Amino acid sequence: MAKNAPSPPSRDRLNPVVFHGSVAGIVTFLVLTLLFTEQAGTFFDAGLAWPG
């Protein structure tokens, strides 16, 4: 009986558009949060207190 050799893994598993877009969004969020810490703190506190 002949054994089927496993196919090599795909090298194109990373979608560059999605990856770089996500990195850009995360970096933008971090920079804005670091620049506007007071406003970010107020925003996050309001979000934590929202349902109650």
PDB file of N, CA and C in Angstrom:
ATOM      1  N   MET A   1       0.836  -1.184   0.000  1.00  0.00           N
ATOM      2  CA  MET A   1       0.000   0.000   0.000  1.00  0.00           C
ATOM      3  C   MET A   1       0.876   1.241   0.000  1.00  0.00           C
ATOM      4  N   ALA A   2       0.489   2.177  -0.803  1.00  0.00           N
ATOM      5  CA  ALA A   2       1.254   3.429  -0.892  1.00  0.00           C
ATOM      6  C   ALA A   2       0.733   4.405   0.156  1.00  0.00           C
ATOM      7  N   LYS A   3       1.672   5.004   0.852  1.00  0.00           N
ATOM      8  CA  LYS A   3       1.296   6.008   1.848  1.00  0.00           C
ATOM      9  C   LYS A   3       1.280   7.372   1.186  1.00  0.00           C
ATOM     10  N   ASN A   4       0.281   8.126   1.510  1.00  0.00           N
ATOM     11  CA  ASN A   4       0.205   9.499   0.999  1.00  0.00           C
ATOM     12  C   ASN A   4       1.093  10.379   1.865  1.00  0.00           C
ATOM     13  N   ALA A   5       2.021  11.043   1.229  1.00  0.00           N
ATOM     14  CA  ALA A   5       2.904  11.947   1.957  1.00  0.00           C
ATOM     15  C   ALA A   5       2.125  13.187   2.363  1.00  0.00           C
ATOM     16  N   PRO A   6       2.312  13.656   3.586  1.00  0.00           N
ATOM     17  CA  PRO A   6       1.594  14.887   3.985  1.00  0.00           C
ATOM     18  C   PRO A   6       2.066  16.059   3.152  1.00  0.00           C
ATOM     19  N   SER A   7       1.119  16.903   2.824  1.00  0.00           N
ATOM     20  CA  SER A   7       1.462  18.071   2.024  1.00  0.00           C
ATOM     21  C   SER A   7       2.220  19.070   2.899  1.00  0.00           C
ATOM     22  N   PRO A   8       3.160  19.794   2.317  1.00  0.00           N
ATOM     23  CA  PRO A   8       3.901  20.787   3.113  1.00  0.00           C
ATOM     24  C   PRO A   8       2.965  21.907   3.556  1.00  0.00           C
ATOM     25  N   PRO A   9       3.219  22.478   4.727  1.00  0.00           N
ATOM     26  CA  PRO A   9       2.341  23.562   5.205  1.00  0.00           C
ATOM     27  C   PRO A   9       2.394  24.766   4.267  1.00  0.00           C
ATOM     28  N   SER A  10       1.267  25.431   4.185  1.00  0.00           N
ATOM     29  CA  SER A  10       1.178  26.622   3.339  1.00  0.00           C
ATOM     30  C   SER A  10       2.018  27.744   3.929  1.00  0.00           C
ATOM     31  N   ARG A  11       2.790  28.409   3.112  1.00  0.00           N
ATOM     32  CA  ARG A  11       3.642  29.496   3.588  1.00  0.00           C
ATOM     33  C   ARG A  11       2.911  30.830   3.579  1.00  0.00           C
ATOM     34  N   ASP A  12       1.754  30.887   2.951  1.00  0.00           N
ATOM     35  CA  ASP A  12       1.007  32.142   2.826  1.00  0.00           C
ATOM     36  C   ASP A  12      -0.154  32.179   3.815  1.00  0.00           C
ATOM     37  N   ARG A  13       0.101  31.850   5.058  1.00  0.00           N
ATOM     38  CA  ARG A  13      -0.974  31.840   6.037  1.00  0.00           C
ATOM     39  C   ARG A  13      -1.228  33.226   6.605  1.00  0.00           C
ATOM     40  N   LEU A  14      -0.313  34.145   6.418  1.00  0.00           N
ATOM     41  CA  LEU A  14      -0.435  35.490   6.967  1.00  0.00           C
ATOM     42  C   LEU A  14      -0.935  36.434   5.881  1.00  0.00           C
ATOM     43  N   ASN A  15      -2.066  37.054   6.143  1.00  0.00           N
ATOM     44  CA  ASN A  15      -2.601  38.031   5.206  1.00  0.00           C
ATOM     45  C   ASN A  15      -1.991  39.383   5.557  1.00  0.00           C
ATOM     46  N   PRO A  16      -1.112  39.915   4.706  1.00  0.00           N
ATOM     47  CA  PRO A  16      -0.406  41.146   5.064  1.00  0.00           C
ATOM     48  C   PRO A  16      -1.329  42.342   5.271  1.00  0.00           C
ATOM     49  N   VAL A  17      -2.414  42.425   4.546  1.00  0.00           N
ATOM     50  CA  VAL A  17      -3.328  43.567   4.694  1.00  0.00           C
ATOM     51  C   VAL A  17      -3.973  43.539   6.079  1.00  0.00           C
ATOM     52  N   VAL A  18      -4.450  42.388   6.486  1.00  0.00           N
ATOM     53  CA  VAL A  18      -5.087  42.260   7.801  1.00  0.00           C
ATOM     54  C   VAL A  18      -4.064  42.463   8.913  1.00  0.00           C
ATOM     55  N   PHE A  19      -2.884  41.863   8.757  1.00  0.00           N
ATOM     56  CA  PHE A  19      -1.848  41.969   9.787  1.00  0.00           C
ATOM     57  C   PHE A  19      -1.410  43.411   9.984  1.00  0.00           C
ATOM     58  N   HIS A  20      -1.054  44.085   8.904  1.00  0.00           N
ATOM     59  CA  HIS A  20      -0.561  45.461   9.033  1.00  0.00           C
ATOM     60  C   HIS A  20      -1.669  46.420   9.457  1.00  0.00           C
ATOM     61  N   GLY A  21      -2.875  46.184   9.018  1.00  0.00           N
ATOM     62  CA  GLY A  21      -3.999  47.002   9.472  1.00  0.00           C
ATOM     63  C   GLY A  21      -4.236  46.862  10.965  1.00  0.00           C
ATOM     64  N   SER A  22      -4.141  45.637  11.468  1.00  0.00           N
ATOM     65  CA  SER A  22      -4.311  45.398  12.900  1.00  0.00           C
ATOM     66  C   SER A  22      -3.189  46.045  13.701  1.00  0.00           C
ATOM     67  N   VAL A  23      -1.965  45.910  13.225  1.00  0.00           N
ATOM     68  CA  VAL A  23      -0.834  46.520  13.913  1.00  0.00           C
ATOM     69  C   VAL A  23      -0.990  48.038  13.941  1.00  0.00           C
ATOM     70  N   ALA A  24      -1.401  48.621  12.834  1.00  0.00           N
ATOM     71  CA  ALA A  24      -1.589  50.073  12.782  1.00  0.00           C
ATOM     72  C   ALA A  24      -2.675  50.518  13.758  1.00  0.00           C
ATOM     73  N   GLY A  25      -3.768  49.765  13.845  1.00  0.00           N
ATOM     74  CA  GLY A  25      -4.839  50.106  14.779  1.00  0.00           C
ATOM     75  C   GLY A  25      -4.403  50.007  16.225  1.00  0.00           C
ATOM     76  N   ILE A  26      -3.656  48.964  16.550  1.00  0.00           N
ATOM     77  CA  ILE A  26      -3.181  48.784  17.925  1.00  0.00           C
ATOM     78  C   ILE A  26      -2.184  49.869  18.304  1.00  0.00           C
ATOM     79  N   VAL A  27      -1.255  50.173  17.411  1.00  0.00           N
ATOM     80  CA  VAL A  27      -0.256  51.210  17.698  1.00  0.00           C
ATOM     81  C   VAL A  27      -0.937  52.567  17.846  1.00  0.00           C
ATOM     82  N   THR A  28      -1.894  52.867  16.997  1.00  0.00           N
ATOM     83  CA  THR A  28      -2.634  54.133  17.097  1.00  0.00           C
ATOM     84  C   THR A  28      -3.359  54.227  18.436  1.00  0.00           C
ATOM     85  N   PHE A  29      -4.019  53.140  18.825  1.00  0.00           N
ATOM     86  CA  PHE A  29      -4.713  53.112  20.109  1.00  0.00           C
ATOM     87  C   PHE A  29      -3.747  53.340  21.265  1.00  0.00           C
ATOM     88  N   LEU A  30      -2.602  52.667  21.241  1.00  0.00           N
ATOM     89  CA  LEU A  30      -1.623  52.823  22.315  1.00  0.00           C
ATOM     90  C   LEU A  30      -1.061  54.235  22.383  1.00  0.00           C
ATOM     91  N   VAL A  31      -0.729  54.806  21.228  1.00  0.00           N
ATOM     92  CA  VAL A  31      -0.156  56.156  21.212  1.00  0.00           C
ATOM     93  C   VAL A  31      -1.168  57.171  21.727  1.00  0.00           C
ATOM     94  N   LEU A  32      -2.406  57.072  21.264  1.00  0.00           N
ATOM     95  CA  LEU A  32      -3.425  58.019  21.725  1.00  0.00           C
ATOM     96  C   LEU A  32      -3.722  57.851  23.208  1.00  0.00           C
ATOM     97  N   THR A  33      -3.716  56.612  23.690  1.00  0.00           N
ATOM     98  CA  THR A  33      -3.945  56.375  25.113  1.00  0.00           C
ATOM     99  C   THR A  33      -2.806  56.948  25.953  1.00  0.00           C
ATOM    100  N   LEU A  34      -1.571  56.813  25.458  1.00  0.00           N
ATOM    101  CA  LEU A  34      -0.428  57.357  26.199  1.00  0.00           C
ATOM    102  C   LEU A  34      -0.387  58.881  26.151  1.00  0.00           C
ATOM    103  N   LEU A  35      -0.830  59.467  25.049  1.00  0.00           N
ATOM    104  CA  LEU A  35      -0.820  60.919  24.928  1.00  0.00           C
ATOM    105  C   LEU A  35      -1.940  61.577  25.736  1.00  0.00           C
ATOM    106  N   PHE A  36      -3.078  60.915  25.802  1.00  0.00           N
ATOM    107  CA  PHE A  36      -4.246  61.477  26.478  1.00  0.00           C
ATOM    108  C   PHE A  36      -4.664  60.569  27.631  1.00  0.00           C
ATOM    109  N   THR A  37      -3.781  60.408  28.610  1.00  0.00           N
ATOM    110  CA  THR A  37      -4.037  59.467  29.700  1.00  0.00           C
ATOM    111  C   THR A  37      -5.236  59.872  30.554  1.00  0.00           C
ATOM    112  N   GLU A  38      -5.388  61.146  30.793  1.00  0.00           N
ATOM    113  CA  GLU A  38      -6.510  61.611  31.625  1.00  0.00           C
ATOM    114  C   GLU A  38      -7.850  61.281  30.958  1.00  0.00           C
ATOM    115  N   GLN A  39      -7.982  61.630  29.693  1.00  0.00           N
ATOM    116  CA  GLN A  39      -9.216  61.356  28.963  1.00  0.00           C
ATOM    117  C   GLN A  39      -9.446  59.855  28.792  1.00  0.00           C
ATOM    118  N   ALA A  40      -8.360  59.121  28.563  1.00  0.00           N
ATOM    119  CA  ALA A  40      -8.488  57.666  28.406  1.00  0.00           C
ATOM    120  C   ALA A  40      -8.953  57.035  29.714  1.00  0.00           C
ATOM    121  N   GLY A  41      -8.404  57.506  30.839  1.00  0.00           N
ATOM    122  CA  GLY A  41      -8.832  56.984  32.134  1.00  0.00           C
ATOM    123  C   GLY A  41     -10.301  57.245  32.390  1.00  0.00           C
ATOM    124  N   THR A  42     -10.749  58.452  32.071  1.00  0.00           N
ATOM    125  CA  THR A  42     -12.161  58.794  32.233  1.00  0.00           C
ATOM    126  C   THR A  42     -13.036  57.911  31.350  1.00  0.00           C
ATOM    127  N   PHE A  43     -12.606  57.705  30.112  1.00  0.00           N
ATOM    128  CA  PHE A  43     -13.344  56.874  29.162  1.00  0.00           C
ATOM    129  C   PHE A  43     -13.438  55.434  29.645  1.00  0.00           C
ATOM    130  N   PHE A  44     -12.337  54.854  30.103  1.00  0.00           N
ATOM    131  CA  PHE A  44     -12.338  53.467  30.550  1.00  0.00           C
ATOM    132  C   PHE A  44     -13.125  53.309  31.849  1.00  0.00           C
ATOM    133  N   ASP A  45     -13.038  54.285  32.745  1.00  0.00           N
ATOM    134  CA  ASP A  45     -13.835  54.226  33.975  1.00  0.00           C
ATOM    135  C   ASP A  45     -15.321  54.256  33.660  1.00  0.00           C
ATOM    136  N   ALA A  46     -15.706  55.093  32.700  1.00  0.00           N
ATOM    137  CA  ALA A  46     -17.126  55.156  32.300  1.00  0.00           C
ATOM    138  C   ALA A  46     -17.553  53.820  31.683  1.00  0.00           C
ATOM    139  N   GLY A  47     -16.669  53.216  30.921  1.00  0.00           N
ATOM    140  CA  GLY A  47     -16.997  51.917  30.328  1.00  0.00           C
ATOM    141  C   GLY A  47     -17.146  50.822  31.360  1.00  0.00           C
ATOM    142  N   LEU A  48     -16.326  50.862  32.404  1.00  0.00           N
ATOM    143  CA  LEU A  48     -16.439  49.855  33.467  1.00  0.00           C
ATOM    144  C   LEU A  48     -17.693  50.043  34.308  1.00  0.00           C
ATOM    145  N   ALA A  49     -18.150  51.280  34.463  1.00  0.00           N
ATOM    146  CA  ALA A  49     -19.326  51.557  35.280  1.00  0.00           C
ATOM    147  C   ALA A  49     -20.626  51.526  34.458  1.00  0.00           C
ATOM    148  N   TRP A  50     -20.543  51.301  33.176  1.00  0.00           N
ATOM    149  CA  TRP A  50     -21.697  51.437  32.288  1.00  0.00           C
ATOM    150  C   TRP A  50     -22.886  50.545  32.625  1.00  0.00           C
ATOM    151  N   PRO A  51     -22.731  49.236  32.781  1.00  0.00           N
ATOM    152  CA  PRO A  51     -23.941  48.422  32.982  1.00  0.00           C
ATOM    153  C   PRO A  51     -24.601  48.630  34.339  1.00  0.00           C
ATOM    154  N   GLY A  52     -23.905  49.188  35.297  1.00  0.00           N
ATOM    155  CA  GLY A  52     -24.510  49.281  36.622  1.00  0.00           C
ATOM    156  C   GLY A  52     -24.641  50.649  37.044  1.00  0.00           C
TER     157      GLY A  52
END
